[in-house]
Amino acid sequence: EDIKRVTKKYLSLEKLSLILLMPEEADLTLEASEIEALWPKHKQIKKIVLDNGLTLLLKENHRLPTFSMTAVFLGGLRAETKNTSGISNFIAKMFTRGTKQRSAIEIAKTIDNMAGQLEGFSGWNTFGVTGHFLSQFFEEALLLTSEVIKEPTFPKEELEKVRALILSDIKKQKDYLPMVTLDLFYKGLYERHPYGINPLGTEESIKKIKRESLLHYYDHHVTADNMVLALVGNVHEKTVLQMVKRLFSDWPKKRWSPPRPSQPKVVTKRKVIKEKIEKTQIHFALGNLGTTIHERDRFPLAIIDALLSGQSGKLFIPLRDVQGLAYAISFLHREGIEPGAWCVYMATSPENLDQAIDGVIKALNRLKEQGITDDELESTKRYIIGNFSIGLQTNSQQCLSMALNERYGLGYDYDEKYIKNIEKLTKEEVIKAAKRYLTTNGYVLSVVGPID
């Protein structure tokens, strides 16, 4: 009986990994259908909306005795102003610093006793809480999570500790020139839009944040109808639904109003912003507005990102390998609820600055004029899809992606749609997007270093 029990528990298809090590000349092929037949079908994602508007997403995965959960709220940097800059990051760090039931130390000990993780996060468009625990602690972990979300107290002594940590982070950031360069770039690009605000805030804004400021931000944004709670892992639908209803159904329904920032505008002329810092290298970022998470242009821009990035990219080879102009070079691209941004970041020597900027512009124009080959397109698609899939291997990664996509209005199953859209892209779409976005007549150029 013990053998049967252990066999049933461990020797299941859900816990099977297939590895083949063969000589190259081996005459053995396996069709995808033959391999897939060894694996159980993926569990469907379940979506349940409670009466108070809270959205629950659940995906069972019983391969490991763990589970992850993420609670997401729209807000983040997009809901900030210059006077409140950094408040999303501040409140994210305060979630686990005290509740009506437990002190910060008690919360930390509870998490440690479960060998788990629970922490806040914030970004351009969202903020929230994410955690990872052993399944045996599911009820205790979800109870603790409900407390930090529904009943944070933002105690003053913890607030001062967090304030000191953030001020230290801001000081460190000032010593890291790539971040200084990008911060300056975003400020120049998003003059009146919150995306131009430093996510950490400024020393001035962080020093002004009071407990009342956090409570006001919390009361407005942390509501049931603004929350998506996603769980992925070794949990069961019936138990999850019972616990979630018990812990969150009494949360009053409250109509949440989203932030409505002004639309950023494309830069149509050359706009240069400089900051003099006495270092040996010069850093610069050159770019403009990109697209949104809802527009189809995000897919060809993903191809452009991959083509220009990395050591085999269309920037690295001519500017670093051939001309030796770059100490570091990369292409950065991100979408937002409002238009995101793209830019080329580069570190070079002061005497090579003009040549480096000219080289970047020529590389962008070359892509627009010469286009890409069929082989480049297909290999880039494989690269993107492969990295995208690798990035979704863990429960935590799947959980966060599901929650964000659902809260953005893309749908919890958007990851599958993303891959299909990448697969369908044509060369014409990629070049059309390059000509539309990679503007070299108008752009923002931020320059940091020993400049005149």
Protein backbone atom coordinates (compact mmCIF):
# COMPACT_ATOMS: atom_id res chain seq x y z
CA GLU A 1 0.00 0.00 0.00
CA ASP A 2 2.89 2.38 0.75
CA ILE A 3 4.39 1.70 -2.69
CA LYS A 4 1.05 2.45 -4.36
CA ARG A 5 0.65 5.64 -2.40
CA VAL A 6 4.16 6.91 -3.22
CA THR A 7 3.82 5.88 -6.87
CA LYS A 8 0.54 7.74 -7.22
CA LYS A 9 1.97 10.82 -5.53
CA TYR A 10 5.27 11.13 -7.43
CA LEU A 11 5.24 9.05 -10.63
CA SER A 12 2.60 11.06 -12.47
CA LEU A 13 2.66 12.57 -15.95
CA GLU A 14 2.24 16.02 -14.42
CA LYS A 15 5.68 15.64 -12.81
CA LEU A 16 7.41 14.14 -15.83
CA SER A 17 10.27 15.83 -17.68
CA LEU A 18 11.51 14.39 -20.98
CA ILE A 19 15.22 14.72 -21.85
CA LEU A 20 16.75 13.08 -24.92
CA LEU A 21 20.54 12.76 -25.32
CA MET A 22 21.39 11.19 -28.69
CA PRO A 23 24.22 11.11 -31.24
CA GLU A 24 23.68 13.49 -34.15
CA GLU A 25 23.40 10.57 -36.61
CA ALA A 26 20.61 8.88 -34.63
CA ASP A 27 17.62 8.31 -36.87
CA LEU A 28 14.94 9.25 -34.37
CA THR A 29 12.28 11.88 -34.71
CA LEU A 30 9.38 12.68 -32.46
CA GLU A 31 6.37 14.56 -33.68
CA ALA A 32 5.03 17.32 -31.48
CA SER A 33 1.82 15.37 -31.00
CA GLU A 34 3.78 12.36 -29.71
CA ILE A 35 5.61 14.48 -27.15
CA GLU A 36 2.48 16.36 -26.11
CA ALA A 37 0.71 13.06 -25.54
CA LEU A 38 3.09 12.44 -22.62
CA TRP A 39 1.93 15.61 -20.87
CA PRO A 40 -1.45 16.34 -19.35
CA LYS A 41 -3.48 19.14 -20.85
CA HIS A 42 -2.91 22.55 -19.33
CA LYS A 43 -5.39 23.48 -16.68
CA GLN A 44 -7.79 26.15 -17.85
CA ILE A 45 -7.65 29.56 -16.22
CA LYS A 46 -10.80 30.24 -14.23
CA LYS A 47 -12.16 33.77 -13.88
CA ILE A 48 -14.62 34.66 -11.12
CA VAL A 49 -15.91 38.16 -10.36
CA LEU A 50 -17.21 38.71 -6.83
CA ASP A 51 -20.26 40.84 -6.12
CA ASN A 52 -18.07 43.73 -4.94
CA GLY A 53 -16.21 43.79 -8.28
CA LEU A 54 -13.02 41.96 -7.27
CA THR A 55 -11.74 39.74 -10.10
CA LEU A 56 -10.23 36.35 -9.19
CA LEU A 57 -8.07 34.39 -11.65
CA LEU A 58 -7.07 30.80 -10.86
CA LYS A 59 -4.82 28.35 -12.67
CA GLU A 60 -4.10 24.99 -11.07
CA ASN A 61 -0.62 23.53 -11.53
CA HIS A 62 0.14 20.52 -9.33
CA ARG A 63 3.66 19.75 -10.53
CA LEU A 64 5.27 21.34 -7.44
CA PRO A 65 3.95 21.83 -3.88
CA THR A 66 3.98 25.63 -4.19
CA PHE A 67 1.71 28.43 -5.34
CA SER A 68 2.06 32.10 -6.25
CA MET A 69 -0.38 34.97 -5.98
CA THR A 70 -0.48 38.54 -7.22
CA ALA A 71 -2.89 41.36 -6.41
CA VAL A 72 -2.81 44.18 -8.98
CA PHE A 73 -4.34 47.67 -8.86
CA LEU A 74 -4.29 50.26 -11.62
CA GLY A 75 -2.42 53.33 -10.43
CA GLY A 76 1.36 53.46 -10.17
CA LEU A 77 3.37 56.27 -11.71
CA ARG A 78 0.47 57.14 -14.01
CA ALA A 79 -1.57 58.27 -10.97
CA GLU A 80 1.16 60.55 -9.60
CA THR A 81 1.99 64.24 -9.94
CA LYS A 82 5.26 66.08 -9.42
CA ASN A 83 4.15 66.87 -5.86
CA THR A 84 3.29 63.22 -5.07
CA SER A 85 6.08 61.59 -7.10
CA GLY A 86 7.26 58.33 -5.55
CA ILE A 87 4.09 57.69 -3.57
CA SER A 88 3.25 54.44 -5.43
CA ASN A 89 6.65 52.97 -4.62
CA PHE A 90 6.33 54.28 -1.05
CA ILE A 91 2.94 52.66 -0.45
CA ALA A 92 4.08 49.39 -2.06
CA LYS A 93 6.91 49.17 0.47
CA MET A 94 4.50 50.00 3.32
CA PHE A 95 2.00 47.20 2.60
CA THR A 96 3.95 44.72 4.75
CA ARG A 97 4.94 47.23 7.45
CA GLY A 98 1.95 46.75 9.72
CA THR A 99 -1.76 45.86 9.73
CA LYS A 100 -4.58 46.07 12.26
CA GLN A 101 -3.70 42.52 13.34
CA ARG A 102 0.12 42.39 13.10
CA SER A 103 3.18 44.58 13.44
CA ALA A 104 5.93 44.73 10.81
CA ILE A 105 8.03 42.28 12.84
CA GLU A 106 5.11 39.87 13.24
CA ILE A 107 4.44 40.00 9.49
CA ALA A 108 8.10 39.28 8.73
CA LYS A 109 8.19 36.37 11.19
CA THR A 110 4.98 34.91 9.78
CA ILE A 111 6.40 35.01 6.25
CA ASP A 112 9.69 33.45 7.41
CA ASN A 113 7.87 30.69 9.31
CA MET A 114 6.13 29.74 6.06
CA ALA A 115 9.44 29.93 4.12
CA GLY A 116 7.60 32.29 1.79
CA GLN A 117 7.85 35.67 0.12
CA LEU A 118 5.40 38.57 0.25
CA GLU A 119 6.19 42.08 -0.94
CA GLY A 120 4.74 45.11 -2.64
CA PHE A 121 5.60 46.35 -6.13
CA SER A 122 4.87 49.38 -8.28
CA GLY A 123 5.40 50.42 -11.90
CA TRP A 124 4.32 52.83 -14.61
CA ASN A 125 0.67 51.77 -14.59
CA THR A 126 0.07 49.54 -11.58
CA PHE A 127 1.04 48.67 -8.04
CA GLY A 128 0.19 45.77 -5.76
CA VAL A 129 1.36 42.79 -3.77
CA THR A 130 2.97 39.54 -4.90
CA GLY A 131 3.80 36.38 -2.95
CA HIS A 132 5.09 32.83 -3.24
CA PHE A 133 4.51 30.07 -0.66
CA LEU A 134 4.41 26.35 -0.04
CA SER A 135 0.93 24.98 -0.69
CA GLN A 136 0.65 23.60 2.83
CA PHE A 137 0.45 27.21 4.06
CA PHE A 138 -2.20 28.31 1.56
CA GLU A 139 -4.85 29.41 4.05
CA GLU A 140 -2.40 31.20 6.35
CA ALA A 141 -0.67 32.92 3.42
CA LEU A 142 -3.91 34.13 1.86
CA LEU A 143 -5.12 35.39 5.24
CA LEU A 144 -1.92 37.40 5.67
CA THR A 145 -2.20 38.76 2.12
CA SER A 146 -5.78 39.87 2.72
CA GLU A 147 -4.65 41.71 5.84
CA VAL A 148 -1.84 43.65 4.15
CA ILE A 149 -4.21 44.62 1.33
CA LYS A 150 -7.35 45.43 3.32
CA GLU A 151 -5.98 46.55 6.68
CA PRO A 152 -2.59 48.29 6.37
CA THR A 153 -2.05 50.87 9.11
CA PHE A 154 1.02 52.68 7.76
CA PRO A 155 2.54 53.15 11.24
CA LYS A 156 4.59 56.32 11.57
CA GLU A 157 7.74 54.62 12.88
CA GLU A 158 7.77 52.25 9.88
CA LEU A 159 6.99 55.13 7.54
CA GLU A 160 10.17 56.89 8.66
CA LYS A 161 12.22 53.72 8.13
CA VAL A 162 10.88 53.34 4.59
CA ARG A 163 11.42 57.03 3.89
CA ALA A 164 15.10 56.66 4.84
CA LEU A 165 15.46 53.62 2.55
CA ILE A 166 13.91 55.42 -0.41
CA LEU A 167 16.04 58.52 0.11
CA SER A 168 19.08 56.24 0.14
CA ASP A 169 17.91 54.64 -3.14
CA ILE A 170 17.51 58.08 -4.73
CA LYS A 171 21.03 59.01 -3.68
CA LYS A 172 22.42 55.76 -5.13
CA GLN A 173 20.54 56.35 -8.37
CA LYS A 174 22.26 59.71 -8.79
CA ASP A 175 25.60 57.89 -8.82
CA TYR A 176 24.50 55.49 -11.58
CA LEU A 177 24.81 57.46 -14.81
CA PRO A 178 22.76 55.15 -17.07
CA MET A 179 19.74 55.73 -14.80
CA VAL A 180 20.45 59.48 -14.61
CA THR A 181 20.54 59.56 -18.42
CA LEU A 182 17.25 57.69 -18.83
CA ASP A 183 15.57 59.74 -16.11
CA LEU A 184 16.58 62.90 -17.96
CA PHE A 185 15.34 61.41 -21.24
CA TYR A 186 11.89 60.58 -19.84
CA LYS A 187 11.57 64.03 -18.28
CA GLY A 188 12.31 65.61 -21.64
CA LEU A 189 9.95 63.33 -23.54
CA TYR A 190 7.00 63.42 -21.12
CA GLU A 191 6.88 67.09 -20.17
CA ARG A 192 3.36 67.05 -18.67
CA HIS A 193 2.69 63.33 -18.40
CA PRO A 194 3.47 61.25 -15.26
CA TYR A 195 5.64 58.81 -17.23
CA GLY A 196 8.28 61.54 -17.03
CA ILE A 197 8.39 61.29 -13.23
CA ASN A 198 11.14 59.31 -11.51
CA PRO A 199 9.41 56.22 -9.99
CA LEU A 200 11.45 56.68 -6.79
CA GLY A 201 10.34 60.29 -6.52
CA THR A 202 12.61 63.19 -5.59
CA GLU A 203 14.22 63.99 -2.26
CA GLU A 204 11.79 66.89 -1.94
CA SER A 205 8.64 64.87 -2.69
CA ILE A 206 9.62 61.91 -0.48
CA LYS A 207 10.36 64.19 2.47
CA LYS A 208 6.86 65.69 2.12
CA ILE A 209 4.93 62.41 2.09
CA LYS A 210 2.96 61.94 5.32
CA ARG A 211 0.82 59.13 6.66
CA GLU A 212 -2.26 61.08 5.55
CA SER A 213 -0.86 61.17 1.99
CA LEU A 214 -0.56 57.38 1.94
CA LEU A 215 -4.06 56.92 3.36
CA HIS A 216 -5.53 59.23 0.72
CA TYR A 217 -3.78 57.37 -2.13
CA TYR A 218 -4.75 54.02 -0.60
CA ASP A 219 -8.42 54.92 -0.12
CA HIS A 220 -8.73 56.05 -3.73
CA HIS A 221 -6.91 53.22 -5.51
CA VAL A 222 -7.07 50.12 -3.29
CA THR A 223 -10.66 49.11 -3.93
CA ALA A 224 -12.31 45.80 -4.75
CA ASP A 225 -13.38 46.84 -8.26
CA ASN A 226 -9.83 48.00 -9.06
CA MET A 227 -8.26 44.71 -7.96
CA VAL A 228 -7.34 41.55 -9.83
CA LEU A 229 -6.18 38.67 -7.63
CA ALA A 230 -4.42 35.87 -9.51
CA LEU A 231 -3.32 32.51 -8.07
CA VAL A 232 -1.26 29.89 -9.88
CA GLY A 233 0.05 26.62 -8.51
CA ASN A 234 -0.77 23.65 -6.35
CA VAL A 235 -4.16 24.84 -5.14
CA HIS A 236 -7.73 23.68 -5.73
CA GLU A 237 -10.57 25.74 -7.11
CA LYS A 238 -13.12 24.90 -4.42
CA THR A 239 -10.77 25.76 -1.54
CA VAL A 240 -9.52 28.94 -3.21
CA LEU A 241 -13.00 30.23 -3.97
CA GLN A 242 -14.21 29.55 -0.43
CA MET A 243 -11.22 31.35 1.11
CA VAL A 244 -11.32 34.32 -1.26
CA LYS A 245 -15.05 34.84 -0.66
CA ARG A 246 -14.60 34.56 3.09
CA LEU A 247 -11.71 37.05 3.19
CA PHE A 248 -12.73 39.56 0.51
CA SER A 249 -16.52 39.46 0.04
CA ASP A 250 -17.08 41.83 2.96
CA TRP A 251 -14.92 44.46 1.31
CA PRO A 252 -17.40 47.22 0.44
CA LYS A 253 -18.14 47.89 -3.21
CA LYS A 254 -16.75 51.31 -4.04
CA ARG A 255 -16.67 52.90 -7.47
CA TRP A 256 -13.07 53.53 -8.50
CA SER A 257 -12.26 56.35 -10.91
CA PRO A 258 -9.10 55.85 -13.01
CA PRO A 259 -6.48 58.54 -13.49
CA ARG A 260 -6.84 60.52 -16.72
CA PRO A 261 -3.48 62.13 -17.51
CA SER A 262 -3.01 64.29 -20.59
CA GLN A 263 -1.82 62.61 -23.77
CA PRO A 264 1.93 62.94 -24.42
CA LYS A 265 2.96 64.44 -27.77
CA VAL A 266 5.49 63.18 -30.29
CA VAL A 267 8.62 65.33 -30.40
CA THR A 268 8.89 66.76 -33.91
CA LYS A 269 12.17 68.65 -33.55
CA ARG A 270 15.60 67.87 -32.11
CA LYS A 271 15.37 68.46 -28.36
CA VAL A 272 18.63 68.25 -26.39
CA ILE A 273 18.84 68.11 -22.57
CA LYS A 274 22.21 68.07 -20.84
CA GLU A 275 23.48 67.49 -17.31
CA LYS A 276 27.13 68.06 -16.50
CA ILE A 277 28.71 65.44 -14.23
CA GLU A 278 32.47 65.09 -13.97
CA LYS A 279 33.05 61.48 -15.03
CA THR A 280 35.27 59.89 -17.66
CA GLN A 281 32.46 58.71 -19.95
CA ILE A 282 29.54 60.44 -21.63
CA HIS A 283 26.15 58.76 -21.61
CA PHE A 284 23.28 59.62 -23.92
CA ALA A 285 19.77 58.43 -24.79
CA LEU A 286 18.10 59.25 -28.10
CA GLY A 287 14.47 58.43 -28.80
CA ASN A 288 10.82 59.40 -28.99
CA LEU A 289 7.32 58.19 -28.17
CA GLY A 290 6.39 54.59 -28.88
CA THR A 291 3.05 52.83 -28.79
CA THR A 292 0.53 51.59 -26.22
CA ILE A 293 -0.17 48.14 -24.80
CA HIS A 294 -3.45 48.06 -26.73
CA GLU A 295 -2.17 48.91 -30.22
CA ARG A 296 -1.06 46.37 -32.80
CA ASP A 297 2.13 48.35 -33.41
CA ARG A 298 3.54 46.87 -30.20
CA PHE A 299 4.26 43.64 -32.13
CA PRO A 300 6.42 45.06 -34.95
CA LEU A 301 8.14 47.28 -32.37
CA ALA A 302 9.03 44.11 -30.43
CA ILE A 303 10.70 42.82 -33.61
CA ILE A 304 12.58 46.12 -34.03
CA ASP A 305 13.69 45.96 -30.39
CA ALA A 306 15.14 42.47 -30.89
CA LEU A 307 16.80 43.41 -34.20
CA LEU A 308 18.57 46.39 -32.68
CA SER A 309 19.42 44.89 -29.27
CA GLY A 310 22.12 42.50 -28.16
CA GLN A 311 25.64 41.75 -29.34
CA SER A 312 24.45 40.61 -32.76
CA GLY A 313 22.11 43.57 -33.19
CA LYS A 314 22.11 46.24 -35.86
CA LEU A 315 23.42 48.79 -33.35
CA PHE A 316 26.10 46.80 -31.53
CA ILE A 317 27.96 45.50 -34.57
CA PRO A 318 28.51 48.77 -36.49
CA LEU A 319 28.94 51.07 -33.49
CA ARG A 320 30.96 48.90 -31.13
CA ASP A 321 32.51 46.04 -33.08
CA VAL A 322 33.34 47.97 -36.28
CA GLN A 323 33.81 51.60 -35.19
CA GLY A 324 34.64 51.01 -31.52
CA LEU A 325 32.53 53.96 -30.41
CA ALA A 326 30.49 52.36 -27.63
CA TYR A 327 31.46 51.18 -24.17
CA ALA A 328 27.85 50.08 -23.81
CA ILE A 329 24.89 50.29 -26.19
CA SER A 330 21.31 49.04 -26.09
CA PHE A 331 17.87 49.66 -27.53
CA LEU A 332 15.10 50.16 -24.97
CA HIS A 333 11.40 49.94 -25.71
CA ARG A 334 8.35 49.83 -23.47
CA GLU A 335 4.62 50.33 -23.95
CA GLY A 336 2.20 52.12 -21.66
CA ILE A 337 -1.51 52.75 -21.27
CA GLU A 338 -0.65 56.02 -22.97
CA PRO A 339 2.14 55.87 -25.59
CA GLY A 340 5.33 54.41 -24.20
CA ALA A 341 8.82 55.18 -25.42
CA TRP A 342 11.78 53.86 -27.38
CA CYS A 343 15.37 55.00 -27.14
CA VAL A 344 18.95 54.06 -27.92
CA TYR A 345 21.18 54.28 -24.85
CA MET A 346 24.93 54.54 -25.33
CA ALA A 347 28.07 55.21 -23.28
CA THR A 348 31.03 56.63 -25.17
CA SER A 349 34.12 58.82 -24.73
CA PRO A 350 33.68 62.62 -24.76
CA GLU A 351 35.70 63.05 -27.96
CA ASN A 352 33.48 60.53 -29.79
CA LEU A 353 30.09 61.93 -28.75
CA ASP A 354 29.15 63.61 -32.05
CA GLN A 355 30.33 60.65 -34.10
CA ALA A 356 28.41 58.24 -31.84
CA ILE A 357 25.15 60.20 -32.14
CA ASP A 358 25.58 60.38 -35.91
CA GLY A 359 26.25 56.63 -35.98
CA VAL A 360 23.05 55.88 -34.09
CA ILE A 361 20.99 58.02 -36.48
CA LYS A 362 22.58 56.34 -39.51
CA ALA A 363 21.87 52.87 -38.06
CA LEU A 364 18.19 53.74 -37.52
CA ASN A 365 17.89 55.19 -41.02
CA ARG A 366 19.61 52.14 -42.48
CA LEU A 367 16.97 49.87 -40.95
CA LYS A 368 14.17 52.01 -42.38
CA GLU A 369 15.74 52.18 -45.84
CA GLN A 370 17.13 48.66 -46.28
CA GLY A 371 14.48 46.73 -44.36
CA ILE A 372 15.06 43.17 -43.19
CA THR A 373 15.36 39.78 -44.86
CA ASP A 374 12.99 36.85 -44.50
CA ASP A 375 15.62 34.97 -42.50
CA GLU A 376 16.09 37.91 -40.12
CA LEU A 377 12.36 38.17 -39.56
CA GLU A 378 11.88 34.47 -38.86
CA SER A 379 14.93 34.14 -36.59
CA THR A 380 13.83 37.24 -34.67
CA LYS A 381 10.34 35.83 -34.25
CA ARG A 382 11.80 32.60 -32.85
CA TYR A 383 14.03 34.61 -30.49
CA ILE A 384 11.11 36.68 -29.16
CA ILE A 385 8.73 33.75 -28.76
CA GLY A 386 11.42 31.61 -27.14
CA ASN A 387 12.38 34.28 -24.61
CA PHE A 388 8.74 35.16 -24.00
CA SER A 389 7.91 31.52 -23.25
CA ILE A 390 10.96 31.09 -21.01
CA GLY A 391 9.83 34.15 -19.11
CA LEU A 392 6.56 32.44 -18.25
CA GLN A 393 7.93 29.17 -16.90
CA THR A 394 7.33 29.79 -13.21
CA ASN A 395 4.09 30.15 -11.29
CA SER A 396 5.16 33.64 -10.17
CA GLN A 397 5.77 34.85 -13.71
CA GLN A 398 2.51 33.42 -15.02
CA CYS A 399 0.61 34.84 -12.08
CA LEU A 400 1.91 38.37 -12.54
CA SER A 401 1.37 38.30 -16.30
CA MET A 402 -2.23 37.04 -15.97
CA ALA A 403 -3.10 39.68 -13.38
CA LEU A 404 -1.55 42.58 -15.30
CA ASN A 405 -3.10 41.59 -18.62
CA GLU A 406 -6.53 41.24 -17.06
CA ARG A 407 -6.31 44.57 -15.26
CA TYR A 408 -5.13 46.33 -18.42
CA GLY A 409 -8.22 45.05 -20.20
CA LEU A 410 -6.20 42.77 -22.50
CA GLY A 411 -7.64 39.59 -20.98
CA TYR A 412 -6.01 36.99 -18.75
CA ASP A 413 -5.19 34.80 -21.79
CA TYR A 414 -3.37 37.57 -23.64
CA ASP A 415 0.01 35.78 -23.55
CA GLU A 416 -1.25 33.23 -26.11
CA LYS A 417 -2.57 36.05 -28.31
CA TYR A 418 0.76 37.85 -28.06
CA ILE A 419 2.66 34.86 -29.45
CA LYS A 420 0.16 34.41 -32.29
CA ASN A 421 0.45 38.08 -33.24
CA ILE A 422 4.24 37.87 -33.35
CA GLU A 423 3.99 34.78 -35.56
CA LYS A 424 1.74 36.59 -38.06
CA LEU A 425 3.96 39.64 -38.55
CA THR A 426 5.23 40.52 -42.03
CA LYS A 427 8.33 42.42 -43.14
CA GLU A 428 6.11 45.19 -44.45
CA GLU A 429 4.55 45.72 -41.01
CA VAL A 430 7.96 45.90 -39.36
CA ILE A 431 9.33 48.49 -41.78
CA LYS A 432 6.11 50.51 -41.67
CA ALA A 433 6.44 50.69 -37.86
CA ALA A 434 10.15 51.57 -38.11
CA LYS A 435 9.39 54.48 -40.44
CA ARG A 436 6.56 55.67 -38.21
CA TYR A 437 8.34 55.53 -34.85
CA LEU A 438 12.12 55.67 -35.39
CA THR A 439 12.11 59.37 -36.19
CA THR A 440 15.53 60.91 -36.82
CA ASN A 441 14.40 64.45 -37.66
CA GLY A 442 12.64 64.90 -34.34
CA TYR A 443 13.74 63.23 -31.10
CA VAL A 444 14.76 63.79 -27.50
CA LEU A 445 18.49 63.55 -26.78
CA SER A 446 19.63 63.45 -23.14
CA VAL A 447 23.37 63.77 -22.52
CA VAL A 448 25.09 63.22 -19.16
CA GLY A 449 28.78 63.47 -18.33
CA PRO A 450 31.77 65.82 -18.72
CA ILE A 451 30.11 68.12 -21.27
CA ASP A 452 30.90 71.73 -22.05
